[in-house]
PDB file of N, CA and C in Angstrom:
ATOM      1  N   MET A   1      17.196  -7.798  26.838  1.00  0.00           N
ATOM      2  CA  MET A   1      15.754  -7.477  26.599  1.00  0.00           C
ATOM      3  C   MET A   1      15.663  -5.985  26.195  1.00  0.00           C
ATOM      4  N   LYS A   2      16.516  -5.196  26.770  1.00  0.00           N
ATOM      5  CA  LYS A   2      16.416  -3.738  26.311  1.00  0.00           C
ATOM      6  C   LYS A   2      16.848  -3.624  24.923  1.00  0.00           C
ATOM      7  N   ARG A   3      17.812  -4.368  24.399  1.00  0.00           N
ATOM      8  CA  ARG A   3      18.159  -4.237  22.955  1.00  0.00           C
ATOM      9  C   ARG A   3      17.004  -4.714  22.059  1.00  0.00           C
ATOM     10  N   LEU A   4      16.249  -5.693  22.518  1.00  0.00           N
ATOM     11  CA  LEU A   4      15.152  -6.107  21.746  1.00  0.00           C
ATOM     12  C   LEU A   4      14.058  -5.010  21.631  1.00  0.00           C
ATOM     13  N   PHE A   5      13.748  -4.420  22.757  1.00  0.00           N
ATOM     14  CA  PHE A   5      12.746  -3.302  22.707  1.00  0.00           C
ATOM     15  C   PHE A   5      13.271  -2.166  21.906  1.00  0.00           C
ATOM     16  N   ASP A   6      14.591  -1.839  21.965  1.00  0.00           N
ATOM     17  CA  ASP A   6      15.061  -0.681  21.187  1.00  0.00           C
ATOM     18  C   ASP A   6      14.998  -1.055  19.699  1.00  0.00           C
ATOM     19  N   TRP A   7      15.275  -2.332  19.322  1.00  0.00           N
ATOM     20  CA  TRP A   7      15.188  -2.711  17.971  1.00  0.00           C
ATOM     21  C   TRP A   7      13.754  -2.610  17.475  1.00  0.00           C
ATOM     22  N   ILE A   8      12.769  -3.062  18.256  1.00  0.00           N
ATOM     23  CA  ILE A   8      11.379  -2.999  17.814  1.00  0.00           C
ATOM     24  C   ILE A   8      10.880  -1.496  17.734  1.00  0.00           C
ATOM     25  N   ARG A   9      11.263  -0.700  18.656  1.00  0.00           N
ATOM     26  CA  ARG A   9      10.935   0.690  18.560  1.00  0.00           C
ATOM     27  C   ARG A   9      11.523   1.401  17.346  1.00  0.00           C
ATOM     28  N   ASN A  10      12.715   1.087  17.006  1.00  0.00           N
ATOM     29  CA  ASN A  10      13.398   1.578  15.784  1.00  0.00           C
ATOM     30  C   ASN A  10      12.692   1.233  14.564  1.00  0.00           C
ATOM     31  N   LYS A  11      12.284  -0.080  14.492  1.00  0.00           N
ATOM     32  CA  LYS A  11      11.577  -0.615  13.310  1.00  0.00           C
ATOM     33  C   LYS A  11      10.174   0.078  13.156  1.00  0.00           C
ATOM     34  N   TRP A  12       9.462   0.199  14.227  1.00  0.00           N
ATOM     35  CA  TRP A  12       8.109   0.851  14.264  1.00  0.00           C
ATOM     36  C   TRP A  12       8.170   2.274  13.751  1.00  0.00           C
ATOM     37  N   GLN A  13       9.339   3.016  14.032  1.00  0.00           N
ATOM     38  CA  GLN A  13       9.299   4.390  13.716  1.00  0.00           C
ATOM     39  C   GLN A  13       9.539   4.549  12.173  1.00  0.00           C
ATOM     40  N   HIS A  14      10.036   3.532  11.452  1.00  0.00           N
ATOM     41  CA  HIS A  14      10.347   3.612  10.073  1.00  0.00           C
ATOM     42  C   HIS A  14       9.239   2.966   9.219  1.00  0.00           C
ATOM     43  N   ILE A  15       8.139   2.539   9.683  1.00  0.00           N
ATOM     44  CA  ILE A  15       7.015   1.893   8.904  1.00  0.00           C
ATOM     45  C   ILE A  15       6.316   3.093   8.139  1.00  0.00           C
ATOM     46  N   ALA A  16       6.028   2.754   6.921  1.00  0.00           N
ATOM     47  CA  ALA A  16       5.213   3.725   6.112  1.00  0.00           C
ATOM     48  C   ALA A  16       3.813   3.345   6.300  1.00  0.00           C
ATOM     49  N   TRP A  17       3.087   4.145   7.325  1.00  0.00           N
ATOM     50  CA  TRP A  17       1.802   3.710   7.708  1.00  0.00           C
ATOM     51  C   TRP A  17       0.822   3.874   6.562  1.00  0.00           C
ATOM     52  N   ARG A  18       1.090   4.782   5.656  1.00  0.00           N
ATOM     53  CA  ARG A  18       0.190   5.004   4.497  1.00  0.00           C
ATOM     54  C   ARG A  18       0.171   3.667   3.673  1.00  0.00           C
ATOM     55  N   SER A  19       1.371   3.116   3.495  1.00  0.00           N
ATOM     56  CA  SER A  19       1.337   1.790   2.740  1.00  0.00           C
ATOM     57  C   SER A  19       0.655   0.677   3.537  1.00  0.00           C
ATOM     58  N   VAL A  20       0.716   0.645   4.791  1.00  0.00           N
ATOM     59  CA  VAL A  20       0.019  -0.391   5.627  1.00  0.00           C
ATOM     60  C   VAL A  20      -1.445  -0.213   5.453  1.00  0.00           C
ATOM     61  N   GLY A  21      -1.858   1.083   5.546  1.00  0.00           N
ATOM     62  CA  GLY A  21      -3.305   1.411   5.368  1.00  0.00           C
ATOM     63  C   GLY A  21      -3.827   1.028   3.976  1.00  0.00           C
ATOM     64  N   ALA A  22      -2.989   1.310   2.978  1.00  0.00           N
ATOM     65  CA  ALA A  22      -3.429   0.929   1.667  1.00  0.00           C
ATOM     66  C   ALA A  22      -3.552  -0.546   1.468  1.00  0.00           C
ATOM     67  N   ALA A  23      -2.591  -1.299   2.033  1.00  0.00           N
ATOM     68  CA  ALA A  23      -2.692  -2.799   2.004  1.00  0.00           C
ATOM     69  C   ALA A  23      -3.975  -3.376   2.662  1.00  0.00           C
ATOM     70  N   VAL A  24      -4.231  -2.789   3.899  1.00  0.00           N
ATOM     71  CA  VAL A  24      -5.324  -3.227   4.660  1.00  0.00           C
ATOM     72  C   VAL A  24      -6.663  -2.947   3.863  1.00  0.00           C
ATOM     73  N   SER A  25      -6.704  -1.777   3.414  1.00  0.00           N
ATOM     74  CA  SER A  25      -8.003  -1.384   2.629  1.00  0.00           C
ATOM     75  C   SER A  25      -8.108  -2.215   1.332  1.00  0.00           C
ATOM     76  N   SER A  26      -7.003  -2.704   0.764  1.00  0.00           N
ATOM     77  CA  SER A  26      -7.044  -3.559  -0.410  1.00  0.00           C
ATOM     78  C   SER A  26      -7.590  -4.974   0.000  1.00  0.00           C
ATOM     79  N   VAL A  27      -7.107  -5.483   1.141  1.00  0.00           N
ATOM     80  CA  VAL A  27      -7.619  -6.758   1.587  1.00  0.00           C
ATOM     81  C   VAL A  27      -9.095  -6.731   1.871  1.00  0.00           C
ATOM     82  N   LEU A  28      -9.514  -5.697   2.600  1.00  0.00           N
ATOM     83  CA  LEU A  28     -10.876  -5.567   2.916  1.00  0.00           C
ATOM     84  C   LEU A  28     -11.761  -5.378   1.664  1.00  0.00           C
ATOM     85  N   THR A  29     -11.228  -4.694   0.655  1.00  0.00           N
ATOM     86  CA  THR A  29     -11.947  -4.565  -0.602  1.00  0.00           C
ATOM     87  C   THR A  29     -12.159  -5.896  -1.228  1.00  0.00           C
ATOM     88  N   MET A  30     -11.137  -6.676  -1.220  1.00  0.00           N
ATOM     89  CA  MET A  30     -11.110  -8.050  -1.882  1.00  0.00           C
ATOM     90  C   MET A  30     -12.093  -8.888  -1.029  1.00  0.00           C
ATOM     91  N   LEU A  31     -12.173  -8.913   0.196  1.00  0.00           N
ATOM     92  CA  LEU A  31     -13.093  -9.657   0.995  1.00  0.00           C
ATOM     93  C   LEU A  31     -14.513  -9.203   0.814  1.00  0.00           C
ATOM     94  N   ALA A  32     -14.706  -7.920   0.560  1.00  0.00           N
ATOM     95  CA  ALA A  32     -16.038  -7.380   0.305  1.00  0.00           C
ATOM     96  C   ALA A  32     -16.626  -7.817  -1.035  1.00  0.00           C
ATOM     97  N   VAL A  33     -15.749  -8.050  -2.035  1.00  0.00           N
ATOM     98  CA  VAL A  33     -16.284  -8.448  -3.345  1.00  0.00           C
ATOM     99  C   VAL A  33     -16.063  -9.961  -3.523  1.00  0.00           C
ATOM    100  N   ALA A  34     -15.696 -10.706  -2.524  1.00  0.00           N
ATOM    101  CA  ALA A  34     -15.522 -12.152  -2.654  1.00  0.00           C
ATOM    102  C   ALA A  34     -16.810 -12.847  -2.991  1.00  0.00           C
ATOM    103  N   PRO A  35     -16.823 -13.704  -4.004  1.00  0.00           N
ATOM    104  CA  PRO A  35     -18.033 -14.396  -4.251  1.00  0.00           C
ATOM    105  C   PRO A  35     -18.360 -15.431  -3.119  1.00  0.00           C
ATOM    106  N   TYR A  36     -19.566 -15.794  -2.974  1.00  0.00           N
ATOM    107  CA  TYR A  36     -19.949 -16.749  -1.872  1.00  0.00           C
ATOM    108  C   TYR A  36     -19.506 -18.218  -2.191  1.00  0.00           C
ATOM    109  N   THR A  37     -19.084 -18.459  -3.474  1.00  0.00           N
ATOM    110  CA  THR A  37     -18.633 -19.809  -3.742  1.00  0.00           C
ATOM    111  C   THR A  37     -17.222 -20.111  -3.171  1.00  0.00           C
ATOM    112  N   LEU A  38     -16.564 -19.166  -2.511  1.00  0.00           N
ATOM    113  CA  LEU A  38     -15.255 -19.326  -1.999  1.00  0.00           C
ATOM    114  C   LEU A  38     -15.386 -20.010  -0.581  1.00  0.00           C
ATOM    115  N   GLY A  39     -16.543 -19.982  -0.005  1.00  0.00           N
ATOM    116  CA  GLY A  39     -16.752 -20.637   1.292  1.00  0.00           C
ATOM    117  C   GLY A  39     -16.532 -19.780   2.436  1.00  0.00           C
ATOM    118  N   ASP A  40     -15.759 -20.156   3.427  1.00  0.00           N
ATOM    119  CA  ASP A  40     -15.568 -19.356   4.666  1.00  0.00           C
ATOM    120  C   ASP A  40     -14.978 -17.983   4.399  1.00  0.00           C
ATOM    121  N   ALA A  41     -14.203 -17.872   3.433  1.00  0.00           N
ATOM    122  CA  ALA A  41     -13.461 -16.644   3.146  1.00  0.00           C
ATOM    123  C   ALA A  41     -14.448 -15.472   2.783  1.00  0.00           C
ATOM    124  N   SER A  42     -15.503 -15.852   2.139  1.00  0.00           N
ATOM    125  CA  SER A  42     -16.528 -14.832   1.789  1.00  0.00           C
ATOM    126  C   SER A  42     -17.463 -14.556   2.871  1.00  0.00           C
ATOM    127  N   ASP A  43     -17.498 -15.394   3.898  1.00  0.00           N
ATOM    128  CA  ASP A  43     -18.415 -15.142   5.028  1.00  0.00           C
ATOM    129  C   ASP A  43     -17.856 -14.274   6.126  1.00  0.00           C
ATOM    130  N   VAL A  44     -16.690 -13.816   5.992  1.00  0.00           N
ATOM    131  CA  VAL A  44     -16.012 -12.980   7.041  1.00  0.00           C
ATOM    132  C   VAL A  44     -16.836 -11.712   7.181  1.00  0.00           C
ATOM    133  N   ILE A  45     -17.291 -11.126   6.077  1.00  0.00           N
ATOM    134  CA  ILE A  45     -17.978  -9.894   6.167  1.00  0.00           C
ATOM    135  C   ILE A  45     -19.512 -10.248   5.840  1.00  0.00           C
ATOM    136  N   PRO A  46     -20.447  -9.810   6.728  1.00  0.00           N
ATOM    137  CA  PRO A  46     -21.850 -10.094   6.463  1.00  0.00           C
ATOM    138  C   PRO A  46     -22.297  -9.500   5.144  1.00  0.00           C
ATOM    139  N   PRO A  47     -23.265 -10.131   4.426  1.00  0.00           N
ATOM    140  CA  PRO A  47     -23.632  -9.552   3.142  1.00  0.00           C
ATOM    141  C   PRO A  47     -24.289  -8.117   3.285  1.00  0.00           C
ATOM    142  N   LYS A  48     -24.837  -7.770   4.388  1.00  0.00           N
ATOM    143  CA  LYS A  48     -25.439  -6.475   4.534  1.00  0.00           C
ATOM    144  C   LYS A  48     -24.441  -5.377   4.541  1.00  0.00           C
ATOM    145  N   TRP A  49     -23.214  -5.700   5.042  1.00  0.00           N
ATOM    146  CA  TRP A  49     -22.149  -4.717   5.195  1.00  0.00           C
ATOM    147  C   TRP A  49     -21.206  -4.646   3.910  1.00  0.00           C
ATOM    148  N   LYS A  50     -21.296  -5.626   3.020  1.00  0.00           N
ATOM    149  CA  LYS A  50     -20.375  -5.725   1.950  1.00  0.00           C
ATOM    150  C   LYS A  50     -20.340  -4.460   1.004  1.00  0.00           C
ATOM    151  N   PRO A  51     -21.488  -3.960   0.631  1.00  0.00           N
ATOM    152  CA  PRO A  51     -21.465  -2.737  -0.252  1.00  0.00           C
ATOM    153  C   PRO A  51     -20.897  -1.510   0.520  1.00  0.00           C
ATOM    154  N   VAL A  52     -21.211  -1.379   1.795  1.00  0.00           N
ATOM    155  CA  VAL A  52     -20.633  -0.207   2.440  1.00  0.00           C
ATOM    156  C   VAL A  52     -19.097  -0.364   2.666  1.00  0.00           C
ATOM    157  N   ILE A  53     -18.633  -1.512   2.967  1.00  0.00           N
ATOM    158  CA  ILE A  53     -17.197  -1.685   3.161  1.00  0.00           C
ATOM    159  C   ILE A  53     -16.479  -1.615   1.939  1.00  0.00           C
ATOM    160  N   PHE A  54     -17.151  -2.060   0.807  1.00  0.00           N
ATOM    161  CA  PHE A  54     -16.457  -1.939  -0.519  1.00  0.00           C
ATOM    162  C   PHE A  54     -16.233  -0.480  -0.875  1.00  0.00           C
ATOM    163  N   LYS A  55     -17.273   0.287  -0.744  1.00  0.00           N
ATOM    164  CA  LYS A  55     -17.190   1.694  -1.098  1.00  0.00           C
ATOM    165  C   LYS A  55     -16.220   2.517  -0.189  1.00  0.00           C
ATOM    166  N   VAL A  56     -16.205   2.253   1.095  1.00  0.00           N
ATOM    167  CA  VAL A  56     -15.262   2.990   1.968  1.00  0.00           C
ATOM    168  C   VAL A  56     -13.872   2.534   1.634  1.00  0.00           C
ATOM    169  N   CYS A  57     -13.638   1.227   1.552  1.00  0.00           N
ATOM    170  CA  CYS A  57     -12.332   0.749   1.346  1.00  0.00           C
ATOM    171  C   CYS A  57     -11.685   1.143  -0.026  1.00  0.00           C
ATOM    172  N   LEU A  58     -12.627   1.129  -1.028  1.00  0.00           N
ATOM    173  CA  LEU A  58     -12.123   1.507  -2.320  1.00  0.00           C
ATOM    174  C   LEU A  58     -11.709   3.018  -2.296  1.00  0.00           C
ATOM    175  N   ALA A  59     -12.543   3.889  -1.685  1.00  0.00           N
ATOM    176  CA  ALA A  59     -12.166   5.308  -1.637  1.00  0.00           C
ATOM    177  C   ALA A  59     -10.939   5.574  -0.730  1.00  0.00           C
ATOM    178  N   SER A  60     -10.858   4.863   0.377  1.00  0.00           N
ATOM    179  CA  SER A  60      -9.651   5.014   1.296  1.00  0.00           C
ATOM    180  C   SER A  60      -8.367   4.510   0.614  1.00  0.00           C
ATOM    181  N   GLY A  61      -8.492   3.354  -0.059  1.00  0.00           N
ATOM    182  CA  GLY A  61      -7.385   2.753  -0.755  1.00  0.00           C
ATOM    183  C   GLY A  61      -6.876   3.614  -1.764  1.00  0.00           C
ATOM    184  N   LEU A  62      -7.726   4.224  -2.610  1.00  0.00           N
ATOM    185  CA  LEU A  62      -7.259   5.183  -3.562  1.00  0.00           C
ATOM    186  C   LEU A  62      -6.641   6.411  -3.057  1.00  0.00           C
ATOM    187  N   LEU A  63      -7.227   6.995  -1.930  1.00  0.00           N
ATOM    188  CA  LEU A  63      -6.670   8.176  -1.410  1.00  0.00           C
ATOM    189  C   LEU A  63      -5.315   7.897  -0.694  1.00  0.00           C
ATOM    190  N   LEU A  64      -5.159   6.658  -0.105  1.00  0.00           N
ATOM    191  CA  LEU A  64      -3.901   6.360   0.607  1.00  0.00           C
ATOM    192  C   LEU A  64      -2.788   6.094  -0.433  1.00  0.00           C
ATOM    193  N   ARG A  65      -3.117   5.489  -1.573  1.00  0.00           N
ATOM    194  CA  ARG A  65      -2.208   5.218  -2.606  1.00  0.00           C
ATOM    195  C   ARG A  65      -1.673   6.618  -3.245  1.00  0.00           C
ATOM    196  N   LEU A  66      -2.647   7.500  -3.450  1.00  0.00           N
ATOM    197  CA  LEU A  66      -2.266   8.762  -3.978  1.00  0.00           C
ATOM    198  C   LEU A  66      -1.399   9.548  -3.016  1.00  0.00           C
ATOM    199  N   TRP A  67      -1.850   9.524  -1.737  1.00  0.00           N
ATOM    200  CA  TRP A  67      -1.037  10.263  -0.706  1.00  0.00           C
ATOM    201  C   TRP A  67       0.407   9.587  -0.658  1.00  0.00           C
ATOM    202  N   ASN A  68       0.505   8.283  -0.684  1.00  0.00           N
ATOM    203  CA  ASN A  68       1.799   7.562  -0.645  1.00  0.00           C
ATOM    204  C   ASN A  68       2.613   7.859  -1.878  1.00  0.00           C
ATOM    205  N   SER A  69       2.013   7.974  -3.041  1.00  0.00           N
ATOM    206  CA  SER A  69       2.846   8.291  -4.202  1.00  0.00           C
ATOM    207  C   SER A  69       3.326   9.701  -4.185  1.00  0.00           C
ATOM    208  N   ARG A  70       2.589  10.586  -3.574  1.00  0.00           N
ATOM    209  CA  ARG A  70       3.041  12.028  -3.456  1.00  0.00           C
ATOM    210  C   ARG A  70       4.237  12.112  -2.437  1.00  0.00           C
ATOM    211  N   LYS A  71       4.222  11.299  -1.449  1.00  0.00           N
ATOM    212  CA  LYS A  71       5.242  11.346  -0.435  1.00  0.00           C
ATOM    213  C   LYS A  71       6.537  10.600  -0.735  1.00  0.00           C
ATOM    214  N   GLN A  72       6.552   9.774  -1.739  1.00  0.00           N
ATOM    215  CA  GLN A  72       7.703   8.972  -2.092  1.00  0.00           C
ATOM    216  C   GLN A  72       8.857   9.853  -2.605  1.00  0.00           C
ATOM    217  N   PRO A  73      10.000   9.598  -2.202  1.00  0.00           N
ATOM    218  CA  PRO A  73      11.045  10.403  -2.717  1.00  0.00           C
ATOM    219  C   PRO A  73      11.370  10.081  -4.125  1.00  0.00           C
ATOM    220  N   THR A  74      11.617  11.138  -4.917  1.00  0.00           N
ATOM    221  CA  THR A  74      11.867  10.933  -6.324  1.00  0.00           C
ATOM    222  C   THR A  74      13.295  11.155  -6.575  1.00  0.00           C
ATOM    223  N   GLN A  75      13.891  10.336  -7.434  1.00  0.00           N
ATOM    224  CA  GLN A  75      15.279  10.501  -7.720  1.00  0.00           C
ATOM    225  C   GLN A  75      15.434  11.214  -9.037  1.00  0.00           C
ATOM    226  N   PRO A  76      16.346  12.135  -9.123  1.00  0.00           N
ATOM    227  CA  PRO A  76      16.509  12.900 -10.311  1.00  0.00           C
ATOM    228  C   PRO A  76      16.980  12.007 -11.510  1.00  0.00           C
ATOM    229  N   VAL A  77      16.460  12.295 -12.645  1.00  0.00           N
ATOM    230  CA  VAL A  77      16.850  11.526 -13.807  1.00  0.00           C
ATOM    231  C   VAL A  77      17.925  12.297 -14.544  1.00  0.00           C
ATOM    232  N   ASN A  78      19.067  11.614 -14.706  1.00  0.00           N
ATOM    233  CA  ASN A  78      20.134  12.180 -15.449  1.00  0.00           C
ATOM    234  C   ASN A  78      20.051  11.978 -16.869  1.00  0.00           C
ATOM    235  N   PRO A  79      20.048  12.943 -17.680  1.00  0.00           N
ATOM    236  CA  PRO A  79      20.012  12.725 -19.156  1.00  0.00           C
ATOM    237  C   PRO A  79      21.308  11.951 -19.627  1.00  0.00           C
ATOM    238  N   PRO A  80      21.269  11.117 -20.652  1.00  0.00           N
ATOM    239  CA  PRO A  80      22.402  10.520 -21.133  1.00  0.00           C
ATOM    240  C   PRO A  80      23.482  11.517 -21.659  1.00  0.00           C
ATOM    241  N   ALA A  81      24.696  11.162 -21.541  1.00  0.00           N
ATOM    242  CA  ALA A  81      25.761  12.092 -22.017  1.00  0.00           C
ATOM    243  C   ALA A  81      25.858  12.038 -23.527  1.00  0.00           C
ATOM    244  N   PRO A  82      26.127  13.202 -24.137  1.00  0.00           N
ATOM    245  CA  PRO A  82      26.153  13.289 -25.585  1.00  0.00           C
ATOM    246  C   PRO A  82      27.346  12.415 -26.036  1.00  0.00           C
ATOM    247  N   PRO A  83      27.191  11.804 -27.274  1.00  0.00           N
ATOM    248  CA  PRO A  83      28.312  10.937 -27.746  1.00  0.00           C
ATOM    249  C   PRO A  83      29.613  11.765 -27.895  1.00  0.00           C
ATOM    250  N   GLN A  84      30.753  11.162 -27.713  1.00  0.00           N
ATOM    251  CA  GLN A  84      31.956  11.860 -27.847  1.00  0.00           C
ATOM    252  C   GLN A  84      32.374  11.750 -29.354  1.00  0.00           C
ATOM    253  N   ALA A  85      32.896  12.740 -29.855  1.00  0.00           N
ATOM    254  CA  ALA A  85      33.449  12.699 -31.276  1.00  0.00           C
ATOM    255  C   ALA A  85      34.868  11.979 -31.297  1.00  0.00           C
ATOM    256  N   LEU A  86      35.009  11.232 -32.279  1.00  0.00           N
ATOM    257  CA  LEU A  86      36.305  10.534 -32.365  1.00  0.00           C
ATOM    258  C   LEU A  86      37.407  11.461 -32.874  1.00  0.00           C
ATOM    259  N   SER A  87      38.446  11.427 -32.237  1.00  0.00           N
ATOM    260  CA  SER A  87      39.575  12.357 -32.681  1.00  0.00           C
ATOM    261  C   SER A  87      40.540  11.487 -33.517  1.00  0.00           C
ATOM    262  N   LYS A  88      41.133  12.162 -34.526  1.00  0.00           N
ATOM    263  CA  LYS A  88      42.186  11.483 -35.383  1.00  0.00           C
ATOM    264  C   LYS A  88      43.473  11.915 -35.081  1.00  0.00           C
TER     265      LYS A  88
END
C-alpha cells in the first residue's frame, strides 16, 4: 500500500497544472457556447450564467495557454552541416 501512495504522490508532483487548467477552461467554454439542440449537455450551465462563464473561461484559457507556452522547455535548433566538398 505504501508503494501505491508513493507512486501516486510522485505522479501528482509532475502534473503540469497549467495544462490541466487550460483543458478545464476549454471544456467549460465549449459547454457555455453549446446550442440548446444538443439536449442535456447544453443544460449543464444555466442560460443566465453562460455569457459570464464564456468570458471568464475564454480569458483564463488564453492566459493559461500563454503561460504554459512560456514555461515549456525549448530545444536548441541545430543548423544543418554545410555540404562536404568531394575530394579527388
